[in-house]
Amino acid sequence: MAKFLKDVGMEPTVPEGGYFMLADWTALAKKIDLSSENDKCKDYKFTKWMSKNVKLQGIPPSAFYSEPNKYLGENFVRYCFIKKDENLQKAAQILKTWKDTISKL
């Protein structure tokens, strides 16, 4: 998962344990238009935009922070990697297709 997240332009943090991986998505911010999303936090905007436009669901980490600290998670998206291999391969293909699309911008 870290490889295909990195290939699309995110910066994953590889965990030492657990089922989730965080990735910094901000390098992609200038390639997408989040203005259609009305959420306060950037990570909510990004995950909703990804779900609608790329058909890949992530979790906004700021959901786990108290109101004054939500900004700490805004540059990241959380993905679960304890999935069947075919689901991870499908996610990799979705991101590859999206990468090909945004690289033309």
PDB file of N, CA and C in Angstrom:
ATOM      1  N   MET A   1       0.828  -1.182   0.000  1.00  0.00           N
ATOM      2  CA  MET A   1       0.000   0.000   0.000  1.00  0.00           C
ATOM      3  C   MET A   1       0.877   1.253   0.000  1.00  0.00           C
ATOM      4  N   ALA A   2       1.941   1.251   0.773  1.00  0.00           N
ATOM      5  CA  ALA A   2       2.813   2.431   0.829  1.00  0.00           C
ATOM      6  C   ALA A   2       3.349   2.765  -0.552  1.00  0.00           C
ATOM      7  N   LYS A   3       3.689   1.738  -1.329  1.00  0.00           N
ATOM      8  CA  LYS A   3       4.242   1.978  -2.664  1.00  0.00           C
ATOM      9  C   LYS A   3       3.234   2.669  -3.563  1.00  0.00           C
ATOM     10  N   PHE A   4       2.010   2.173  -3.629  1.00  0.00           N
ATOM     11  CA  PHE A   4       1.070   2.807  -4.554  1.00  0.00           C
ATOM     12  C   PHE A   4       0.579   4.156  -4.054  1.00  0.00           C
ATOM     13  N   LEU A   5       0.585   4.394  -2.754  1.00  0.00           N
ATOM     14  CA  LEU A   5       0.270   5.740  -2.259  1.00  0.00           C
ATOM     15  C   LEU A   5       1.385   6.712  -2.643  1.00  0.00           C
ATOM     16  N   LYS A   6       2.630   6.267  -2.512  1.00  0.00           N
ATOM     17  CA  LYS A   6       3.773   7.102  -2.884  1.00  0.00           C
ATOM     18  C   LYS A   6       3.782   7.353  -4.391  1.00  0.00           C
ATOM     19  N   ASP A   7       3.469   6.325  -5.168  1.00  0.00           N
ATOM     20  CA  ASP A   7       3.456   6.455  -6.632  1.00  0.00           C
ATOM     21  C   ASP A   7       2.479   7.523  -7.115  1.00  0.00           C
ATOM     22  N   VAL A   8       1.386   7.721  -6.390  1.00  0.00           N
ATOM     23  CA  VAL A   8       0.390   8.712  -6.808  1.00  0.00           C
ATOM     24  C   VAL A   8       0.746  10.118  -6.318  1.00  0.00           C
ATOM     25  N   GLY A   9       1.717  10.222  -5.410  1.00  0.00           N
ATOM     26  CA  GLY A   9       2.148  11.534  -4.943  1.00  0.00           C
ATOM     27  C   GLY A   9       1.911  11.807  -3.474  1.00  0.00           C
ATOM     28  N   MET A  10       1.410  10.817  -2.751  1.00  0.00           N
ATOM     29  CA  MET A  10       1.228  10.977  -1.308  1.00  0.00           C
ATOM     30  C   MET A  10       2.514  10.560  -0.596  1.00  0.00           C
ATOM     31  N   GLU A  11       2.647  10.969   0.651  1.00  0.00           N
ATOM     32  CA  GLU A  11       3.793  10.571   1.476  1.00  0.00           C
ATOM     33  C   GLU A  11       3.289   9.703   2.627  1.00  0.00           C
ATOM     34  N   PRO A  12       3.331   8.368   2.455  1.00  0.00           N
ATOM     35  CA  PRO A  12       2.827   7.489   3.506  1.00  0.00           C
ATOM     36  C   PRO A  12       3.784   7.393   4.691  1.00  0.00           C
ATOM     37  N   THR A  13       3.209   7.177   5.855  1.00  0.00           N
ATOM     38  CA  THR A  13       3.963   6.863   7.059  1.00  0.00           C
ATOM     39  C   THR A  13       3.741   5.385   7.316  1.00  0.00           C
ATOM     40  N   VAL A  14       4.784   4.596   7.198  1.00  0.00           N
ATOM     41  CA  VAL A  14       4.656   3.150   7.351  1.00  0.00           C
ATOM     42  C   VAL A  14       4.633   2.822   8.845  1.00  0.00           C
ATOM     43  N   PRO A  15       3.542   2.220   9.307  1.00  0.00           N
ATOM     44  CA  PRO A  15       3.427   1.916  10.736  1.00  0.00           C
ATOM     45  C   PRO A  15       4.258   0.693  11.121  1.00  0.00           C
ATOM     46  N   GLU A  16       4.616   0.615  12.372  1.00  0.00           N
ATOM     47  CA  GLU A  16       5.327  -0.560  12.869  1.00  0.00           C
ATOM     48  C   GLU A  16       4.352  -1.662  13.268  1.00  0.00           C
ATOM     49  N   GLY A  17       3.082  -1.336  13.344  1.00  0.00           N
ATOM     50  CA  GLY A  17       2.058  -2.311  13.686  1.00  0.00           C
ATOM     51  C   GLY A  17       0.690  -1.718  13.419  1.00  0.00           C
ATOM     52  N   GLY A  18      -0.325  -2.528  13.561  1.00  0.00           N
ATOM     53  CA  GLY A  18      -1.686  -2.046  13.366  1.00  0.00           C
ATOM     54  C   GLY A  18      -2.212  -2.347  11.976  1.00  0.00           C
ATOM     55  N   TYR A  19      -3.348  -1.754  11.666  1.00  0.00           N
ATOM     56  CA  TYR A  19      -4.052  -2.022  10.416  1.00  0.00           C
ATOM     57  C   TYR A  19      -4.235  -0.786   9.553  1.00  0.00           C
ATOM     58  N   PHE A  20      -3.701   0.332   9.981  1.00  0.00           N
ATOM     59  CA  PHE A  20      -3.947   1.597   9.292  1.00  0.00           C
ATOM     60  C   PHE A  20      -2.644   2.276   8.911  1.00  0.00           C
ATOM     61  N   MET A  21      -2.704   3.031   7.833  1.00  0.00           N
ATOM     62  CA  MET A  21      -1.565   3.799   7.365  1.00  0.00           C
ATOM     63  C   MET A  21      -2.027   5.225   7.106  1.00  0.00           C
ATOM     64  N   LEU A  22      -1.262   6.183   7.582  1.00  0.00           N
ATOM     65  CA  LEU A  22      -1.525   7.588   7.285  1.00  0.00           C
ATOM     66  C   LEU A  22      -0.676   8.004   6.096  1.00  0.00           C
ATOM     67  N   ALA A  23      -1.233   8.882   5.283  1.00  0.00           N
ATOM     68  CA  ALA A  23      -0.479   9.423   4.155  1.00  0.00           C
ATOM     69  C   ALA A  23      -0.746  10.917   4.053  1.00  0.00           C
ATOM     70  N   ASP A  24       0.319  11.674   3.875  1.00  0.00           N
ATOM     71  CA  ASP A  24       0.207  13.115   3.660  1.00  0.00           C
ATOM     72  C   ASP A  24      -0.186  13.321   2.198  1.00  0.00           C
ATOM     73  N   TRP A  25      -1.318  13.943   1.977  1.00  0.00           N
ATOM     74  CA  TRP A  25      -1.866  14.114   0.630  1.00  0.00           C
ATOM     75  C   TRP A  25      -1.629  15.516   0.071  1.00  0.00           C
ATOM     76  N   THR A  26      -0.987  16.406   0.817  1.00  0.00           N
ATOM     77  CA  THR A  26      -0.938  17.821   0.445  1.00  0.00           C
ATOM     78  C   THR A  26      -0.182  18.102  -0.852  1.00  0.00           C
ATOM     79  N   ALA A  27       0.703  17.209  -1.279  1.00  0.00           N
ATOM     80  CA  ALA A  27       1.380  17.418  -2.565  1.00  0.00           C
ATOM     81  C   ALA A  27       0.386  17.361  -3.724  1.00  0.00           C
ATOM     82  N   LEU A  28      -0.770  16.764  -3.491  1.00  0.00           N
ATOM     83  CA  LEU A  28      -1.806  16.653  -4.526  1.00  0.00           C
ATOM     84  C   LEU A  28      -2.767  17.836  -4.522  1.00  0.00           C
ATOM     85  N   ALA A  29      -2.699  18.670  -3.508  1.00  0.00           N
ATOM     86  CA  ALA A  29      -3.690  19.738  -3.313  1.00  0.00           C
ATOM     87  C   ALA A  29      -3.791  20.680  -4.505  1.00  0.00           C
ATOM     88  N   LYS A  30      -2.684  20.981  -5.146  1.00  0.00           N
ATOM     89  CA  LYS A  30      -2.730  21.920  -6.271  1.00  0.00           C
ATOM     90  C   LYS A  30      -3.251  21.274  -7.561  1.00  0.00           C
ATOM     91  N   LYS A  31      -3.432  19.956  -7.546  1.00  0.00           N
ATOM     92  CA  LYS A  31      -3.915  19.251  -8.733  1.00  0.00           C
ATOM     93  C   LYS A  31      -5.407  18.952  -8.686  1.00  0.00           C
ATOM     94  N   ILE A  32      -6.043  19.254  -7.560  1.00  0.00           N
ATOM     95  CA  ILE A  32      -7.469  18.966  -7.419  1.00  0.00           C
ATOM     96  C   ILE A  32      -8.201  20.198  -6.901  1.00  0.00           C
ATOM     97  N   ASP A  33      -9.486  20.241  -7.161  1.00  0.00           N
ATOM     98  CA  ASP A  33     -10.309  21.373  -6.731  1.00  0.00           C
ATOM     99  C   ASP A  33     -11.269  20.902  -5.640  1.00  0.00           C
ATOM    100  N   LEU A  34     -10.984  21.294  -4.420  1.00  0.00           N
ATOM    101  CA  LEU A  34     -11.810  20.888  -3.282  1.00  0.00           C
ATOM    102  C   LEU A  34     -12.905  21.890  -2.964  1.00  0.00           C
ATOM    103  N   SER A  35     -13.070  22.897  -3.798  1.00  0.00           N
ATOM    104  CA  SER A  35     -14.031  23.966  -3.499  1.00  0.00           C
ATOM    105  C   SER A  35     -15.480  23.482  -3.450  1.00  0.00           C
ATOM    106  N   SER A  36     -15.774  22.335  -4.036  1.00  0.00           N
ATOM    107  CA  SER A  36     -17.143  21.811  -4.001  1.00  0.00           C
ATOM    108  C   SER A  36     -17.487  21.193  -2.643  1.00  0.00           C
ATOM    109  N   GLU A  37     -16.477  20.973  -1.817  1.00  0.00           N
ATOM    110  CA  GLU A  37     -16.698  20.371  -0.500  1.00  0.00           C
ATOM    111  C   GLU A  37     -16.789  21.468   0.552  1.00  0.00           C
ATOM    112  N   ASN A  38     -17.797  21.391   1.392  1.00  0.00           N
ATOM    113  CA  ASN A  38     -18.095  22.460   2.345  1.00  0.00           C
ATOM    114  C   ASN A  38     -17.575  22.230   3.758  1.00  0.00           C
ATOM    115  N   ASP A  39     -16.842  21.177   3.967  1.00  0.00           N
ATOM    116  CA  ASP A  39     -16.365  20.874   5.313  1.00  0.00           C
ATOM    117  C   ASP A  39     -15.325  21.883   5.781  1.00  0.00           C
ATOM    118  N   LYS A  40     -15.193  22.000   7.086  1.00  0.00           N
ATOM    119  CA  LYS A  40     -14.233  22.928   7.684  1.00  0.00           C
ATOM    120  C   LYS A  40     -12.796  22.407   7.550  1.00  0.00           C
ATOM    121  N   CYS A  41     -12.597  21.125   7.784  1.00  0.00           N
ATOM    122  CA  CYS A  41     -11.257  20.536   7.784  1.00  0.00           C
ATOM    123  C   CYS A  41     -10.865  20.041   6.393  1.00  0.00           C
ATOM    124  N   LYS A  42      -9.610  20.292   6.031  1.00  0.00           N
ATOM    125  CA  LYS A  42      -9.113  19.909   4.707  1.00  0.00           C
ATOM    126  C   LYS A  42      -9.148  18.405   4.486  1.00  0.00           C
ATOM    127  N   ASP A  43      -8.885  17.606   5.528  1.00  0.00           N
ATOM    128  CA  ASP A  43      -8.887  16.160   5.341  1.00  0.00           C
ATOM    129  C   ASP A  43     -10.291  15.633   5.048  1.00  0.00           C
ATOM    130  N   TYR A  44     -11.311  16.243   5.632  1.00  0.00           N
ATOM    131  CA  TYR A  44     -12.691  15.874   5.296  1.00  0.00           C
ATOM    132  C   TYR A  44     -12.983  16.229   3.841  1.00  0.00           C
ATOM    133  N   LYS A  45     -12.573  17.410   3.433  1.00  0.00           N
ATOM    134  CA  LYS A  45     -12.784  17.820   2.040  1.00  0.00           C
ATOM    135  C   LYS A  45     -12.112  16.836   1.095  1.00  0.00           C
ATOM    136  N   PHE A  46     -10.851  16.490   1.392  1.00  0.00           N
ATOM    137  CA  PHE A  46     -10.099  15.588   0.528  1.00  0.00           C
ATOM    138  C   PHE A  46     -10.727  14.197   0.469  1.00  0.00           C
ATOM    139  N   THR A  47     -11.074  13.621   1.623  1.00  0.00           N
ATOM    140  CA  THR A  47     -11.624  12.267   1.603  1.00  0.00           C
ATOM    141  C   THR A  47     -12.987  12.218   0.916  1.00  0.00           C
ATOM    142  N   LYS A  48     -13.804  13.243   1.100  1.00  0.00           N
ATOM    143  CA  LYS A  48     -15.092  13.277   0.394  1.00  0.00           C
ATOM    144  C   LYS A  48     -14.883  13.448  -1.103  1.00  0.00           C
ATOM    145  N   TRP A  49     -13.956  14.325  -1.479  1.00  0.00           N
ATOM    146  CA  TRP A  49     -13.663  14.529  -2.896  1.00  0.00           C
ATOM    147  C   TRP A  49     -13.153  13.231  -3.526  1.00  0.00           C
ATOM    148  N   MET A  50     -12.235  12.544  -2.838  1.00  0.00           N
ATOM    149  CA  MET A  50     -11.696  11.272  -3.350  1.00  0.00           C
ATOM    150  C   MET A  50     -12.803  10.235  -3.511  1.00  0.00           C
ATOM    151  N   SER A  51     -13.679  10.151  -2.529  1.00  0.00           N
ATOM    152  CA  SER A  51     -14.763   9.176  -2.582  1.00  0.00           C
ATOM    153  C   SER A  51     -15.678   9.434  -3.779  1.00  0.00           C
ATOM    154  N   LYS A  52     -16.007  10.691  -4.014  1.00  0.00           N
ATOM    155  CA  LYS A  52     -16.908  11.052  -5.113  1.00  0.00           C
ATOM    156  C   LYS A  52     -16.241  10.964  -6.483  1.00  0.00           C
ATOM    157  N   ASN A  53     -15.008  11.398  -6.583  1.00  0.00           N
ATOM    158  CA  ASN A  53     -14.362  11.555  -7.883  1.00  0.00           C
ATOM    159  C   ASN A  53     -13.421  10.430  -8.278  1.00  0.00           C
ATOM    160  N   VAL A  54     -12.802   9.793  -7.305  1.00  0.00           N
ATOM    161  CA  VAL A  54     -11.832   8.741  -7.597  1.00  0.00           C
ATOM    162  C   VAL A  54     -12.387   7.370  -7.220  1.00  0.00           C
ATOM    163  N   LYS A  55     -13.409   7.365  -6.393  1.00  0.00           N
ATOM    164  CA  LYS A  55     -14.073   6.141  -5.918  1.00  0.00           C
ATOM    165  C   LYS A  55     -13.173   5.334  -4.991  1.00  0.00           C
ATOM    166  N   LEU A  56     -12.412   6.056  -4.156  1.00  0.00           N
ATOM    167  CA  LEU A  56     -11.578   5.424  -3.143  1.00  0.00           C
ATOM    168  C   LEU A  56     -11.832   6.134  -1.820  1.00  0.00           C
ATOM    169  N   GLN A  57     -12.165   5.355  -0.808  1.00  0.00           N
ATOM    170  CA  GLN A  57     -12.544   5.938   0.477  1.00  0.00           C
ATOM    171  C   GLN A  57     -11.390   5.893   1.466  1.00  0.00           C
ATOM    172  N   GLY A  58     -11.113   7.027   2.067  1.00  0.00           N
ATOM    173  CA  GLY A  58     -10.156   7.129   3.160  1.00  0.00           C
ATOM    174  C   GLY A  58     -10.873   7.680   4.378  1.00  0.00           C
ATOM    175  N   ILE A  59     -10.165   7.753   5.466  1.00  0.00           N
ATOM    176  CA  ILE A  59     -10.735   8.249   6.717  1.00  0.00           C
ATOM    177  C   ILE A  59     -10.039   9.563   7.066  1.00  0.00           C
ATOM    178  N   PRO A  60     -10.791  10.619   7.351  1.00  0.00           N
ATOM    179  CA  PRO A  60     -10.156  11.879   7.746  1.00  0.00           C
ATOM    180  C   PRO A  60      -9.658  11.791   9.195  1.00  0.00           C
ATOM    181  N   PRO A  61      -8.355  11.861   9.411  1.00  0.00           N
ATOM    182  CA  PRO A  61      -7.826  11.711  10.770  1.00  0.00           C
ATOM    183  C   PRO A  61      -8.298  12.770  11.755  1.00  0.00           C
ATOM    184  N   SER A  62      -8.655  13.944  11.281  1.00  0.00           N
ATOM    185  CA  SER A  62      -9.093  14.984  12.218  1.00  0.00           C
ATOM    186  C   SER A  62     -10.350  14.563  12.975  1.00  0.00           C
ATOM    187  N   ALA A  63     -11.039  13.533  12.502  1.00  0.00           N
ATOM    188  CA  ALA A  63     -12.207  13.004  13.207  1.00  0.00           C
ATOM    189  C   ALA A  63     -11.836  12.499  14.603  1.00  0.00           C
ATOM    190  N   PHE A  64     -10.574  12.177  14.801  1.00  0.00           N
ATOM    191  CA  PHE A  64     -10.110  11.622  16.067  1.00  0.00           C
ATOM    192  C   PHE A  64      -9.515  12.680  17.006  1.00  0.00           C
ATOM    193  N   TYR A  65      -9.552  13.936  16.580  1.00  0.00           N
ATOM    194  CA  TYR A  65      -8.982  15.026  17.378  1.00  0.00           C
ATOM    195  C   TYR A  65     -10.089  15.890  17.978  1.00  0.00           C
ATOM    196  N   SER A  66      -9.801  16.498  19.120  1.00  0.00           N
ATOM    197  CA  SER A  66     -10.729  17.469  19.696  1.00  0.00           C
ATOM    198  C   SER A  66     -10.706  18.727  18.830  1.00  0.00           C
ATOM    199  N   GLU A  67     -11.727  19.533  18.950  1.00  0.00           N
ATOM    200  CA  GLU A  67     -11.893  20.714  18.086  1.00  0.00           C
ATOM    201  C   GLU A  67     -10.638  21.598  17.997  1.00  0.00           C
ATOM    202  N   PRO A  68     -10.010  21.950  19.110  1.00  0.00           N
ATOM    203  CA  PRO A  68      -8.849  22.843  18.991  1.00  0.00           C
ATOM    204  C   PRO A  68      -7.627  22.183  18.341  1.00  0.00           C
ATOM    205  N   ASN A  69      -7.641  20.857  18.205  1.00  0.00           N
ATOM    206  CA  ASN A  69      -6.476  20.153  17.670  1.00  0.00           C
ATOM    207  C   ASN A  69      -6.709  19.512  16.307  1.00  0.00           C
ATOM    208  N   LYS A  70      -7.870  19.705  15.713  1.00  0.00           N
ATOM    209  CA  LYS A  70      -8.193  19.083  14.429  1.00  0.00           C
ATOM    210  C   LYS A  70      -7.177  19.423  13.340  1.00  0.00           C
ATOM    211  N   TYR A  71      -6.608  20.611  13.409  1.00  0.00           N
ATOM    212  CA  TYR A  71      -5.636  21.032  12.400  1.00  0.00           C
ATOM    213  C   TYR A  71      -4.447  20.061  12.302  1.00  0.00           C
ATOM    214  N   LEU A  72      -4.168  19.321  13.367  1.00  0.00           N
ATOM    215  CA  LEU A  72      -3.035  18.396  13.379  1.00  0.00           C
ATOM    216  C   LEU A  72      -3.202  17.257  12.371  1.00  0.00           C
ATOM    217  N   GLY A  73      -4.428  16.893  12.053  1.00  0.00           N
ATOM    218  CA  GLY A  73      -4.670  15.784  11.134  1.00  0.00           C
ATOM    219  C   GLY A  73      -5.066  16.185   9.732  1.00  0.00           C
ATOM    220  N   GLU A  74      -5.176  17.485   9.472  1.00  0.00           N
ATOM    221  CA  GLU A  74      -5.739  17.949   8.200  1.00  0.00           C
ATOM    222  C   GLU A  74      -4.925  17.605   6.951  1.00  0.00           C
ATOM    223  N   ASN A  75      -3.650  17.379   7.079  1.00  0.00           N
ATOM    224  CA  ASN A  75      -2.821  17.099   5.903  1.00  0.00           C
ATOM    225  C   ASN A  75      -2.707  15.614   5.599  1.00  0.00           C
ATOM    226  N   PHE A  76      -3.468  14.806   6.312  1.00  0.00           N
ATOM    227  CA  PHE A  76      -3.339  13.361   6.180  1.00  0.00           C
ATOM    228  C   PHE A  76      -4.667  12.704   5.828  1.00  0.00           C
ATOM    229  N   VAL A  77      -4.551  11.492   5.320  1.00  0.00           N
ATOM    230  CA  VAL A  77      -5.700  10.627   5.099  1.00  0.00           C
ATOM    231  C   VAL A  77      -5.306   9.270   5.685  1.00  0.00           C
ATOM    232  N   ARG A  78      -6.266   8.567   6.237  1.00  0.00           N
ATOM    233  CA  ARG A  78      -6.011   7.286   6.900  1.00  0.00           C
ATOM    234  C   ARG A  78      -6.629   6.175   6.059  1.00  0.00           C
ATOM    235  N   TYR A  79      -5.824   5.156   5.767  1.00  0.00           N
ATOM    236  CA  TYR A  79      -6.300   4.004   5.003  1.00  0.00           C
ATOM    237  C   TYR A  79      -6.092   2.728   5.808  1.00  0.00           C
ATOM    238  N   CYS A  80      -7.023   1.817   5.664  1.00  0.00           N
ATOM    239  CA  CYS A  80      -6.920   0.504   6.293  1.00  0.00           C
ATOM    240  C   CYS A  80      -6.266  -0.441   5.289  1.00  0.00           C
ATOM    241  N   PHE A  81      -5.233  -1.168   5.720  1.00  0.00           N
ATOM    242  CA  PHE A  81      -4.576  -2.075   4.784  1.00  0.00           C
ATOM    243  C   PHE A  81      -4.787  -3.543   5.129  1.00  0.00           C
ATOM    244  N   ILE A  82      -5.654  -3.843   6.091  1.00  0.00           N
ATOM    245  CA  ILE A  82      -5.964  -5.231   6.393  1.00  0.00           C
ATOM    246  C   ILE A  82      -7.164  -5.628   5.519  1.00  0.00           C
ATOM    247  N   LYS A  83      -6.875  -5.817   4.257  1.00  0.00           N
ATOM    248  CA  LYS A  83      -7.888  -6.115   3.242  1.00  0.00           C
ATOM    249  C   LYS A  83      -7.442  -7.327   2.438  1.00  0.00           C
ATOM    250  N   LYS A  84      -8.364  -7.922   1.706  1.00  0.00           N
ATOM    251  CA  LYS A  84      -8.003  -8.999   0.790  1.00  0.00           C
ATOM    252  C   LYS A  84      -7.068  -8.442  -0.274  1.00  0.00           C
ATOM    253  N   ASP A  85      -6.167  -9.288  -0.749  1.00  0.00           N
ATOM    254  CA  ASP A  85      -5.199  -8.854  -1.760  1.00  0.00           C
ATOM    255  C   ASP A  85      -5.874  -8.251  -2.983  1.00  0.00           C
ATOM    256  N   GLU A  86      -6.983  -8.843  -3.412  1.00  0.00           N
ATOM    257  CA  GLU A  86      -7.654  -8.325  -4.610  1.00  0.00           C
ATOM    258  C   GLU A  86      -8.215  -6.916  -4.376  1.00  0.00           C
ATOM    259  N   ASN A  87      -8.628  -6.620  -3.143  1.00  0.00           N
ATOM    260  CA  ASN A  87      -9.106  -5.264  -2.832  1.00  0.00           C
ATOM    261  C   ASN A  87      -7.962  -4.258  -2.848  1.00  0.00           C
ATOM    262  N   LEU A  88      -6.810  -4.649  -2.316  1.00  0.00           N
ATOM    263  CA  LEU A  88      -5.642  -3.765  -2.352  1.00  0.00           C
ATOM    264  C   LEU A  88      -5.167  -3.551  -3.786  1.00  0.00           C
ATOM    265  N   GLN A  89      -5.222  -4.606  -4.597  1.00  0.00           N
ATOM    266  CA  GLN A  89      -4.839  -4.473  -6.010  1.00  0.00           C
ATOM    267  C   GLN A  89      -5.803  -3.545  -6.741  1.00  0.00           C
ATOM    268  N   LYS A  90      -7.078  -3.628  -6.424  1.00  0.00           N
ATOM    269  CA  LYS A  90      -8.077  -2.741  -7.025  1.00  0.00           C
ATOM    270  C   LYS A  90      -7.805  -1.292  -6.619  1.00  0.00           C
ATOM    271  N   ALA A  91      -7.484  -1.066  -5.343  1.00  0.00           N
ATOM    272  CA  ALA A  91      -7.151   0.286  -4.880  1.00  0.00           C
ATOM    273  C   ALA A  91      -5.921   0.811  -5.613  1.00  0.00           C
ATOM    274  N   ALA A  92      -4.923  -0.044  -5.791  1.00  0.00           N
ATOM    275  CA  ALA A  92      -3.713   0.361  -6.516  1.00  0.00           C
ATOM    276  C   ALA A  92      -4.058   0.747  -7.950  1.00  0.00           C
ATOM    277  N   GLN A  93      -4.935  -0.021  -8.594  1.00  0.00           N
ATOM    278  CA  GLN A  93      -5.323   0.282  -9.974  1.00  0.00           C
ATOM    279  C   GLN A  93      -6.117   1.584 -10.051  1.00  0.00           C
ATOM    280  N   ILE A  94      -7.009   1.799  -9.102  1.00  0.00           N
ATOM    281  CA  ILE A  94      -7.784   3.047  -9.060  1.00  0.00           C
ATOM    282  C   ILE A  94      -6.842   4.238  -8.952  1.00  0.00           C
ATOM    283  N   LEU A  95      -5.857   4.148  -8.060  1.00  0.00           N
ATOM    284  CA  LEU A  95      -4.912   5.251  -7.884  1.00  0.00           C
ATOM    285  C   LEU A  95      -4.012   5.429  -9.100  1.00  0.00           C
ATOM    286  N   LYS A  96      -3.622   4.329  -9.738  1.00  0.00           N
ATOM    287  CA  LYS A  96      -2.799   4.436 -10.949  1.00  0.00           C
ATOM    288  C   LYS A  96      -3.571   5.154 -12.050  1.00  0.00           C
ATOM    289  N   THR A  97      -4.821   4.789 -12.239  1.00  0.00           N
ATOM    290  CA  THR A  97      -5.658   5.437 -13.248  1.00  0.00           C
ATOM    291  C   THR A  97      -5.816   6.917 -12.932  1.00  0.00           C
ATOM    292  N   TRP A  98      -6.044   7.235 -11.666  1.00  0.00           N
ATOM    293  CA  TRP A  98      -6.176   8.634 -11.258  1.00  0.00           C
ATOM    294  C   TRP A  98      -4.871   9.395 -11.482  1.00  0.00           C
ATOM    295  N   LYS A  99      -3.749   8.761 -11.144  1.00  0.00           N
ATOM    296  CA  LYS A  99      -2.436   9.395 -11.348  1.00  0.00           C
ATOM    297  C   LYS A  99      -2.239   9.732 -12.822  1.00  0.00           C
ATOM    298  N   ASP A 100      -2.600   8.810 -13.703  1.00  0.00           N
ATOM    299  CA  ASP A 100      -2.479   9.057 -15.144  1.00  0.00           C
ATOM    300  C   ASP A 100      -3.332  10.251 -15.560  1.00  0.00           C
ATOM    301  N   THR A 101      -4.498  10.394 -14.949  1.00  0.00           N
ATOM    302  CA  THR A 101      -5.396  11.507 -15.258  1.00  0.00           C
ATOM    303  C   THR A 101      -4.826  12.835 -14.773  1.00  0.00           C
ATOM    304  N   ILE A 102      -4.361  12.883 -13.526  1.00  0.00           N
ATOM    305  CA  ILE A 102      -3.878  14.156 -12.985  1.00  0.00           C
ATOM    306  C   ILE A 102      -2.510  14.545 -13.533  1.00  0.00           C
ATOM    307  N   SER A 103      -1.755  13.578 -14.030  1.00  0.00           N
ATOM    308  CA  SER A 103      -0.444  13.922 -14.589  1.00  0.00           C
ATOM    309  C   SER A 103      -0.588  14.678 -15.905  1.00  0.00           C
ATOM    310  N   LYS A 104      -1.766  14.609 -16.506  1.00  0.00           N
ATOM    311  CA  LYS A 104      -2.030  15.339 -17.753  1.00  0.00           C
ATOM    312  C   LYS A 104      -2.438  16.783 -17.493  1.00  0.00           C
ATOM    313  N   LEU A 105      -2.692  17.122 -16.220  1.00  0.00           N
ATOM    314  CA  LEU A 105      -3.127  18.482 -15.874  1.00  0.00           C
ATOM    315  C   LEU A 105      -1.966  19.449 -15.876  1.00  0.00           C
TER     316      LEU A 105
END
